[in-house]
Amino acid sequence: MHRPLEGAADRLIQRFGAFVVERWPFAAGAAIAVFERTGGSAARTEADIESLRAPLAAALREAAAVTILPDLGDTTPGVPASVR
């Protein structure tokens, strides 16, 4: 079971988690784990949050790439699963 979210960092995680759940509910757990692993829990200022953008984006892409199976064929005509 998860602990209750209370502090400023927890509110940031809540907001990030809510954003992810709205767009990609199946990936919320993994995205929140990546957020915390890349320093999201330690972010306190606007500068801290800005400094997370690049490492968080890279870590999310890396996490997503692990789950892609490259030979699934086209997800839509002309767009292979590995690109999608």
C-alpha atoms as a PDB file:
ATOM      1  CA  MET A   1       0.000   0.000   0.000  1.00  0.00           C
ATOM      2  CA  HIS A   2       1.198   3.525  -0.758  1.00  0.00           C
ATOM      3  CA  ARG A   3       1.859   6.135   1.898  1.00  0.00           C
ATOM      4  CA  PRO A   4      -0.336   9.270   1.990  1.00  0.00           C
ATOM      5  CA  LEU A   5       1.042  12.224   0.049  1.00  0.00           C
ATOM      6  CA  GLU A   6       1.466  15.328   2.211  1.00  0.00           C
ATOM      7  CA  GLY A   7       4.461  17.646   1.527  1.00  0.00           C
ATOM      8  CA  ALA A   8       5.380  19.967  -1.351  1.00  0.00           C
ATOM      9  CA  ALA A   9       7.343  17.242  -3.142  1.00  0.00           C
ATOM     10  CA  ASP A  10       4.396  14.916  -2.687  1.00  0.00           C
ATOM     11  CA  ARG A  11       2.077  17.485  -4.269  1.00  0.00           C
ATOM     12  CA  LEU A  12       4.442  17.693  -7.234  1.00  0.00           C
ATOM     13  CA  ILE A  13       4.350  13.900  -7.551  1.00  0.00           C
ATOM     14  CA  GLN A  14       0.536  14.049  -7.293  1.00  0.00           C
ATOM     15  CA  ARG A  15       0.324  16.611 -10.082  1.00  0.00           C
ATOM     16  CA  PHE A  16       2.733  14.667 -12.283  1.00  0.00           C
ATOM     17  CA  GLY A  17       0.876  11.431 -11.516  1.00  0.00           C
ATOM     18  CA  ALA A  18      -2.502  13.003 -12.316  1.00  0.00           C
ATOM     19  CA  PHE A  19      -1.148  14.256 -15.642  1.00  0.00           C
ATOM     20  CA  VAL A  20       0.187  10.808 -16.531  1.00  0.00           C
ATOM     21  CA  VAL A  21      -3.008   9.025 -15.448  1.00  0.00           C
ATOM     22  CA  GLU A  22      -5.081  11.359 -17.627  1.00  0.00           C
ATOM     23  CA  ARG A  23      -3.004  10.666 -20.744  1.00  0.00           C
ATOM     24  CA  TRP A  24      -1.462   7.197 -20.195  1.00  0.00           C
ATOM     25  CA  PRO A  25      -3.154   5.431 -17.245  1.00  0.00           C
ATOM     26  CA  PHE A  26      -1.418   2.117 -17.979  1.00  0.00           C
ATOM     27  CA  ALA A  27       1.989   3.769 -17.526  1.00  0.00           C
ATOM     28  CA  ALA A  28       1.330   5.760 -14.349  1.00  0.00           C
ATOM     29  CA  GLY A  29       3.186   3.487 -11.933  1.00  0.00           C
ATOM     30  CA  ALA A  30       6.282   3.278 -14.100  1.00  0.00           C
ATOM     31  CA  ALA A  31       6.243   7.016 -14.866  1.00  0.00           C
ATOM     32  CA  ILE A  32       5.980   7.953 -11.190  1.00  0.00           C
ATOM     33  CA  ALA A  33       8.852   5.592 -10.353  1.00  0.00           C
ATOM     34  CA  VAL A  34      10.988   7.249 -13.078  1.00  0.00           C
ATOM     35  CA  PHE A  35       9.963  10.689 -11.782  1.00  0.00           C
ATOM     36  CA  GLU A  36      11.135   9.805  -8.290  1.00  0.00           C
ATOM     37  CA  ARG A  37      14.313   8.096  -9.557  1.00  0.00           C
ATOM     38  CA  THR A  38      15.336  11.187 -11.561  1.00  0.00           C
ATOM     39  CA  GLY A  39      14.968  13.518  -8.575  1.00  0.00           C
ATOM     40  CA  GLY A  40      11.337  14.569  -8.700  1.00  0.00           C
ATOM     41  CA  SER A  41      10.925  13.970  -4.979  1.00  0.00           C
ATOM     42  CA  ALA A  42      13.732  16.432  -4.232  1.00  0.00           C
ATOM     43  CA  ALA A  43      12.429  19.254  -6.468  1.00  0.00           C
ATOM     44  CA  ARG A  44      11.496  22.292  -4.392  1.00  0.00           C
ATOM     45  CA  THR A  45      11.916  25.317  -6.661  1.00  0.00           C
ATOM     46  CA  GLU A  46      11.024  26.253 -10.208  1.00  0.00           C
ATOM     47  CA  ALA A  47      14.693  25.857 -11.124  1.00  0.00           C
ATOM     48  CA  ASP A  48      14.700  22.348  -9.616  1.00  0.00           C
ATOM     49  CA  ILE A  49      11.674  21.420 -11.698  1.00  0.00           C
ATOM     50  CA  GLU A  50      13.194  22.899 -14.861  1.00  0.00           C
ATOM     51  CA  SER A  51      16.385  20.929 -14.275  1.00  0.00           C
ATOM     52  CA  LEU A  52      14.331  17.709 -14.241  1.00  0.00           C
ATOM     53  CA  ARG A  53      12.920  18.151 -17.741  1.00  0.00           C
ATOM     54  CA  ALA A  54      15.766  16.665 -19.797  1.00  0.00           C
ATOM     55  CA  PRO A  55      16.719  13.778 -17.483  1.00  0.00           C
ATOM     56  CA  LEU A  56      13.064  12.890 -16.878  1.00  0.00           C
ATOM     57  CA  ALA A  57      12.255  12.923 -20.594  1.00  0.00           C
ATOM     58  CA  ALA A  58      15.288  10.754 -21.374  1.00  0.00           C
ATOM     59  CA  ALA A  59      14.494   8.302 -18.571  1.00  0.00           C
ATOM     60  CA  LEU A  60      10.848   8.049 -19.655  1.00  0.00           C
ATOM     61  CA  ARG A  61      11.893   7.374 -23.270  1.00  0.00           C
ATOM     62  CA  GLU A  62      14.343   4.734 -22.065  1.00  0.00           C
ATOM     63  CA  ALA A  63      11.693   3.067 -19.894  1.00  0.00           C
ATOM     64  CA  ALA A  64       9.208   3.074 -22.769  1.00  0.00           C
ATOM     65  CA  ALA A  65      11.752   1.708 -25.255  1.00  0.00           C
ATOM     66  CA  VAL A  66      12.271  -1.365 -23.090  1.00  0.00           C
ATOM     67  CA  THR A  67       8.611  -2.301 -23.456  1.00  0.00           C
ATOM     68  CA  ILE A  68       8.395  -1.886 -27.247  1.00  0.00           C
ATOM     69  CA  LEU A  69       8.522  -5.044 -29.306  1.00  0.00           C
ATOM     70  CA  PRO A  70      10.145  -4.029 -32.613  1.00  0.00           C
ATOM     71  CA  ASP A  71       8.586  -6.622 -34.947  1.00  0.00           C
ATOM     72  CA  LEU A  72       4.888  -6.030 -34.300  1.00  0.00           C
ATOM     73  CA  GLY A  73       4.272  -4.534 -37.717  1.00  0.00           C
ATOM     74  CA  ASP A  74       2.519  -1.269 -38.474  1.00  0.00           C
ATOM     75  CA  THR A  75       0.294   0.169 -35.752  1.00  0.00           C
ATOM     76  CA  THR A  76      -1.292   2.340 -38.420  1.00  0.00           C
ATOM     77  CA  PRO A  77      -0.471   2.149 -42.133  1.00  0.00           C
ATOM     78  CA  GLY A  78       3.159   3.136 -42.619  1.00  0.00           C
ATOM     79  CA  VAL A  79       3.921   3.581 -38.895  1.00  0.00           C
ATOM     80  CA  PRO A  80       5.780   0.636 -37.350  1.00  0.00           C
ATOM     81  CA  ALA A  81       5.294  -0.161 -33.665  1.00  0.00           C
ATOM     82  CA  SER A  82       8.958   0.600 -32.965  1.00  0.00           C
ATOM     83  CA  VAL A  83       8.426   4.198 -34.146  1.00  0.00           C
ATOM     84  CA  ARG A  84       5.046   4.663 -32.561  1.00  0.00           C
END
